[in-house]
Amino acid sequence: MYATPTDASTVMLLRPCRAEGVKDIEVLMVLRNRKSRFVPGYHVYPGGILDPEDYEPGVERFCRGIDRDRASAILPDMSRPEKALGAWVAGIRESFEEVGMLIARMRDGSPVTIRTEEERRRFCGYRRALNRGEMKFSEMLEKEDLVLPVDRLHYFSHWITPEPLPLRYDVRFFVAAAPADQAVIHDGVELTEHLWLRPSAALEEYEKGRIGMVLPQIMTLVDISRFRTVEEAVTAAERRHVPAILTKIRRIGDADVEVMPDGTAYERRPPVYSWPKKG
């Protein structure tokens, strides 16, 4: 029997390119710790598995823009319908826990800023407590009187880890504009580095062997590289049909090759996931 995929969310945080005279977007890429169980030493987007608190009864009191029914309609193939809204909540929570970017608003509608020394100290304290399991995300939201504009996360892609692997994830990819007045600070534990890269530049770095990525990151970067503004990417995501992509691992010659549902084989892009250790 193959392992059942665990529901997870990941967020492609986008911002306008900072290079002078260049009209393009940049996406945040983070480097996973080389001691991680899953894709160690590879560049991914911020994200992680859904926690029960992400979809617990009452979580919708914090959510704005998408309710449980709408979330279930957008994600009809979620493992359980009541978990659908949790995909958005998990994406926001994980982005904050991993890189310190909080997609949230005050109840009066103003965006959350983390720019003053006092704000940085306060929210860094929340991150530490969340990552240590000493606080729930909802407790932080209540304490700061915050709501989550979940409609700022736009469903973009859906990838399922291939079946032979012992660690499998059913991952929903979202795109979102990176919050203004907030700086990226990777957690230093799960993630040891971060980069803002133009999608085309990230793909070039991969092709030259300078950074490692797995197929879902590569293919979503190819998709997102068509856009020159964050607004274009968001608009395209709102209109996008998102099929589930379950690749297969096949042995071709003496190599493991990842094969797309349409039969496209990526012989130059070996699947790098987490295989059982031998011996």
Protein backbone atom coordinates (compact mmCIF):
# COMPACT_ATOMS: atom_id res chain seq x y z
CA MET A 1 0.00 0.00 0.00
CA TYR A 2 1.20 3.47 -0.83
CA ALA A 3 1.32 6.24 1.79
CA THR A 4 -1.73 8.52 1.84
CA PRO A 5 -0.81 12.10 0.86
CA THR A 6 -1.00 14.69 3.64
CA ASP A 7 -2.86 17.92 2.83
CA ALA A 8 -0.55 20.91 2.55
CA SER A 9 -0.45 24.49 1.26
CA THR A 10 2.30 26.61 -0.21
CA VAL A 11 2.31 30.28 -1.20
CA MET A 12 4.15 31.94 -4.06
CA LEU A 13 4.71 35.41 -2.60
CA LEU A 14 5.17 37.93 -5.42
CA ARG A 15 6.44 41.48 -5.60
CA PRO A 16 7.47 43.88 -8.40
CA CYS A 17 11.06 43.43 -9.52
CA ARG A 18 13.40 45.75 -7.63
CA ALA A 19 15.92 46.08 -10.48
CA GLU A 20 15.78 49.56 -11.98
CA GLY A 21 14.18 49.68 -15.41
CA VAL A 22 13.05 46.04 -15.34
CA LYS A 23 9.31 45.35 -15.57
CA ASP A 24 8.90 41.90 -14.10
CA ILE A 25 7.94 40.11 -10.91
CA GLU A 26 10.01 38.43 -8.24
CA VAL A 27 8.99 35.35 -6.27
CA LEU A 28 10.22 34.38 -2.84
CA MET A 29 12.20 31.14 -2.77
CA VAL A 30 13.37 29.58 0.49
CA LEU A 31 16.08 26.97 1.06
CA ARG A 32 15.07 23.93 3.10
CA ASN A 33 17.44 22.79 5.82
CA ARG A 34 19.78 20.06 4.58
CA LYS A 35 18.69 17.95 7.55
CA SER A 36 15.01 18.09 6.58
CA ARG A 37 13.21 14.82 5.90
CA PHE A 38 11.57 16.17 2.73
CA VAL A 39 13.54 17.71 -0.18
CA PRO A 40 16.52 18.74 2.01
CA GLY A 41 18.73 21.45 0.56
CA TYR A 42 16.23 22.41 -2.14
CA HIS A 43 14.55 25.73 -2.89
CA VAL A 44 10.78 25.81 -2.43
CA TYR A 45 8.06 28.32 -1.53
CA PRO A 46 6.94 28.94 2.06
CA GLY A 47 4.36 26.39 3.15
CA GLY A 48 3.57 23.27 5.11
CA ILE A 49 0.93 20.78 6.16
CA LEU A 50 -2.55 21.70 7.36
CA ASP A 51 -2.86 21.66 11.13
CA PRO A 52 -6.24 20.73 12.67
CA GLU A 53 -6.53 24.29 14.01
CA ASP A 54 -6.48 25.61 10.42
CA TYR A 55 -9.93 24.15 9.79
CA GLU A 56 -11.35 23.77 13.31
CA PRO A 57 -14.95 24.91 13.95
CA GLY A 58 -15.00 28.65 14.37
CA VAL A 59 -11.91 29.47 12.30
CA GLU A 60 -14.14 31.20 9.76
CA ARG A 61 -14.70 34.03 12.23
CA PHE A 62 -11.23 35.23 11.29
CA CYS A 63 -11.65 34.78 7.53
CA ARG A 64 -12.75 37.43 5.06
CA GLY A 65 -13.54 37.06 1.37
CA ILE A 66 -14.01 33.28 1.25
CA ASP A 67 -16.26 31.18 3.48
CA ARG A 68 -16.37 27.42 3.99
CA ASP A 69 -18.88 26.81 1.19
CA ARG A 70 -16.89 28.84 -1.32
CA ALA A 71 -13.65 27.16 -0.28
CA SER A 72 -15.23 23.72 -0.75
CA ALA A 73 -16.48 24.75 -4.20
CA ILE A 74 -12.99 25.88 -5.26
CA LEU A 75 -11.38 22.72 -3.81
CA PRO A 76 -14.00 20.01 -4.47
CA ASP A 77 -11.36 17.27 -4.34
CA MET A 78 -10.14 18.09 -0.83
CA SER A 79 -9.76 15.00 1.35
CA ARG A 80 -12.64 16.29 3.51
CA PRO A 81 -14.87 19.25 2.56
CA GLU A 82 -14.53 20.87 5.98
CA LYS A 83 -10.75 21.07 5.48
CA ALA A 84 -10.94 23.22 2.33
CA LEU A 85 -10.92 26.63 4.05
CA GLY A 86 -7.96 25.39 6.07
CA ALA A 87 -5.85 25.35 2.90
CA TRP A 88 -5.99 29.16 2.78
CA VAL A 89 -5.52 29.55 6.54
CA ALA A 90 -2.53 27.18 6.51
CA GLY A 91 -0.92 29.12 3.66
CA ILE A 92 -1.14 32.36 5.64
CA ARG A 93 -0.04 30.77 8.91
CA GLU A 94 2.93 28.95 7.37
CA SER A 95 4.09 32.08 5.52
CA PHE A 96 4.18 33.90 8.84
CA GLU A 97 5.82 31.09 10.79
CA GLU A 98 8.47 30.38 8.16
CA VAL A 99 9.36 33.79 6.71
CA GLY A 100 7.64 36.34 8.97
CA MET A 101 5.26 37.70 6.31
CA LEU A 102 1.74 38.02 7.70
CA ILE A 103 -1.14 38.42 5.24
CA ALA A 104 -3.65 39.94 7.63
CA ARG A 105 -5.65 43.09 8.34
CA MET A 106 -6.80 45.00 11.34
CA ARG A 107 -10.55 44.83 11.84
CA ASP A 108 -10.84 48.39 10.49
CA GLY A 109 -9.44 47.11 7.17
CA SER A 110 -5.93 48.54 7.45
CA PRO A 111 -3.09 46.14 6.58
CA VAL A 112 -0.78 44.74 9.21
CA THR A 113 2.64 46.38 9.26
CA ILE A 114 5.75 45.01 10.92
CA ARG A 115 8.15 47.89 10.45
CA THR A 116 8.75 49.55 13.80
CA GLU A 117 11.14 48.07 16.33
CA GLU A 118 8.27 47.38 18.71
CA GLU A 119 6.23 45.64 16.01
CA ARG A 120 9.19 43.51 14.97
CA ARG A 121 9.85 42.51 18.57
CA ARG A 122 6.19 41.67 19.22
CA PHE A 123 5.60 39.62 16.10
CA CYS A 124 8.95 37.83 16.36
CA GLY A 125 7.80 36.76 19.81
CA TYR A 126 4.60 35.38 18.34
CA ARG A 127 6.57 33.46 15.70
CA ARG A 128 8.79 31.86 18.30
CA ALA A 129 5.78 30.85 20.38
CA LEU A 130 3.98 29.41 17.33
CA ASN A 131 7.01 27.45 16.16
CA ARG A 132 7.55 26.03 19.65
CA GLY A 133 3.90 25.03 19.95
CA GLU A 134 3.36 27.42 22.85
CA MET A 135 0.61 29.40 21.12
CA LYS A 136 -2.09 28.81 18.53
CA PHE A 137 -2.37 31.01 15.46
CA SER A 138 -5.94 31.90 16.44
CA GLU A 139 -4.71 33.12 19.82
CA MET A 140 -2.35 35.56 18.14
CA LEU A 141 -5.15 36.78 15.86
CA GLU A 142 -7.43 37.32 18.84
CA LYS A 143 -4.75 39.10 20.85
CA GLU A 144 -3.95 41.48 17.97
CA ASP A 145 -7.60 41.75 16.84
CA LEU A 146 -6.71 40.62 13.30
CA VAL A 147 -8.65 39.07 10.45
CA LEU A 148 -7.36 37.05 7.49
CA PRO A 149 -8.12 38.33 3.97
CA VAL A 150 -8.01 34.80 2.60
CA ASP A 151 -9.20 36.02 -0.79
CA ARG A 152 -5.72 37.53 -1.26
CA LEU A 153 -4.47 33.97 -1.82
CA HIS A 154 -5.36 32.85 -5.33
CA TYR A 155 -5.46 29.14 -6.15
CA PHE A 156 -2.85 28.43 -8.80
CA SER A 157 -1.74 24.79 -8.95
CA HIS A 158 -2.24 21.38 -7.36
CA TRP A 159 0.50 18.76 -7.07
CA ILE A 160 0.50 15.35 -5.41
CA THR A 161 3.77 13.61 -4.49
CA PRO A 162 4.29 10.44 -6.57
CA GLU A 163 3.04 7.15 -5.11
CA PRO A 164 6.20 5.15 -4.39
CA LEU A 165 7.49 7.73 -1.94
CA PRO A 166 7.22 7.31 1.84
CA LEU A 167 6.52 11.01 2.46
CA ARG A 168 3.67 12.21 0.27
CA TYR A 169 1.86 15.55 0.16
CA ASP A 170 -1.30 16.79 -1.54
CA VAL A 171 -0.21 20.39 -2.05
CA ARG A 172 -2.33 23.39 -3.04
CA PHE A 173 -0.26 26.20 -4.54
CA PHE A 174 -1.45 29.79 -4.14
CA VAL A 175 -0.15 33.10 -5.48
CA ALA A 176 -0.33 36.28 -3.39
CA ALA A 177 1.12 39.75 -3.38
CA ALA A 178 3.77 39.98 -0.67
CA PRO A 179 2.67 42.26 2.18
CA ALA A 180 4.07 45.76 2.06
CA ASP A 181 5.94 47.14 5.06
CA GLN A 182 7.11 43.68 6.08
CA ALA A 183 10.55 42.12 5.71
CA VAL A 184 11.38 38.48 5.08
CA ILE A 185 13.14 36.74 7.96
CA HIS A 186 13.49 33.00 7.38
CA ASP A 187 13.08 30.93 10.53
CA GLY A 188 16.66 29.57 10.55
CA VAL A 189 15.40 26.10 11.44
CA GLU A 190 13.34 24.57 8.62
CA LEU A 191 14.59 27.26 6.25
CA THR A 192 18.18 28.47 6.14
CA GLU A 193 18.15 31.01 3.30
CA HIS A 194 15.77 33.07 1.19
CA LEU A 195 15.98 34.66 -2.24
CA TRP A 196 13.79 37.02 -4.22
CA LEU A 197 14.20 35.92 -7.83
CA ARG A 198 12.57 36.67 -11.14
CA PRO A 199 10.94 33.39 -12.26
CA SER A 200 13.09 33.31 -15.40
CA ALA A 201 16.21 33.90 -13.30
CA ALA A 202 15.26 31.13 -10.86
CA LEU A 203 14.85 28.72 -13.77
CA GLU A 204 18.23 29.80 -15.18
CA GLU A 205 19.87 29.24 -11.77
CA TYR A 206 18.35 25.77 -11.70
CA GLU A 207 19.49 24.89 -15.23
CA LYS A 208 23.05 25.97 -14.34
CA GLY A 209 23.00 23.76 -11.25
CA ARG A 210 23.26 26.65 -8.81
CA ILE A 211 20.01 25.90 -6.97
CA GLY A 212 18.00 22.71 -6.63
CA MET A 213 14.26 22.45 -7.18
CA VAL A 214 11.69 19.72 -7.60
CA LEU A 215 9.27 19.50 -10.51
CA PRO A 216 6.30 21.36 -8.93
CA GLN A 217 8.50 24.41 -8.30
CA ILE A 218 10.00 24.23 -11.78
CA MET A 219 6.66 23.97 -13.54
CA THR A 220 4.93 26.67 -11.49
CA LEU A 221 7.87 28.98 -12.19
CA VAL A 222 7.47 28.28 -15.91
CA ASP A 223 3.78 29.19 -15.60
CA ILE A 224 4.36 32.35 -13.56
CA SER A 225 7.22 33.56 -15.79
CA ARG A 226 4.66 34.60 -18.42
CA PHE A 227 3.54 37.52 -16.28
CA ARG A 228 5.26 40.87 -15.86
CA THR A 229 3.19 42.29 -13.01
CA VAL A 230 1.73 40.90 -9.82
CA GLU A 231 -1.70 42.03 -11.00
CA GLU A 232 -1.36 39.97 -14.20
CA ALA A 233 -0.44 36.87 -12.21
CA VAL A 234 -3.34 37.33 -9.79
CA THR A 235 -5.87 37.93 -12.57
CA ALA A 236 -4.69 34.83 -14.42
CA ALA A 237 -4.95 32.74 -11.24
CA GLU A 238 -8.55 33.86 -10.72
CA ARG A 239 -9.47 32.52 -14.17
CA ARG A 240 -7.32 29.41 -14.06
CA HIS A 241 -8.60 25.84 -14.20
CA VAL A 242 -6.52 23.85 -11.72
CA PRO A 243 -6.28 20.08 -12.30
CA ALA A 244 -4.59 17.77 -9.82
CA ILE A 245 -1.18 16.68 -11.11
CA LEU A 246 0.03 13.29 -9.94
CA THR A 247 3.30 12.37 -11.57
CA LYS A 248 4.77 8.87 -11.76
CA ILE A 249 8.28 7.62 -11.15
CA ARG A 250 9.56 5.30 -13.86
CA ARG A 251 12.89 3.59 -14.30
CA ILE A 252 14.31 4.56 -17.68
CA GLY A 253 17.72 3.04 -18.29
CA ASP A 254 19.58 3.32 -15.02
CA ALA A 255 17.76 6.42 -13.78
CA ASP A 256 14.53 7.25 -11.97
CA VAL A 257 12.52 9.61 -14.13
CA GLU A 258 9.48 11.71 -13.18
CA VAL A 259 6.70 11.47 -15.74
CA MET A 260 3.80 13.91 -16.11
CA PRO A 261 0.21 12.68 -16.62
CA ASP A 262 0.49 13.50 -20.34
CA GLY A 263 3.52 11.20 -20.65
CA THR A 264 6.19 13.92 -20.71
CA ALA A 265 9.31 12.50 -19.07
CA TYR A 266 11.86 14.72 -17.36
CA GLU A 267 15.05 12.72 -17.81
CA ARG A 268 17.25 15.76 -17.13
CA ARG A 269 15.31 16.56 -13.98
CA PRO A 270 15.59 13.55 -11.70
CA PRO A 271 12.96 13.29 -8.95
CA VAL A 272 14.53 14.42 -5.70
CA TYR A 273 12.19 13.66 -2.86
CA SER A 274 12.76 11.54 0.21
CA TRP A 275 13.52 7.90 -0.55
CA PRO A 276 13.85 5.29 2.22
CA LYS A 277 17.42 4.87 3.39
CA LYS A 278 18.94 1.54 2.52
CA GLY A 279 20.66 -0.63 5.07
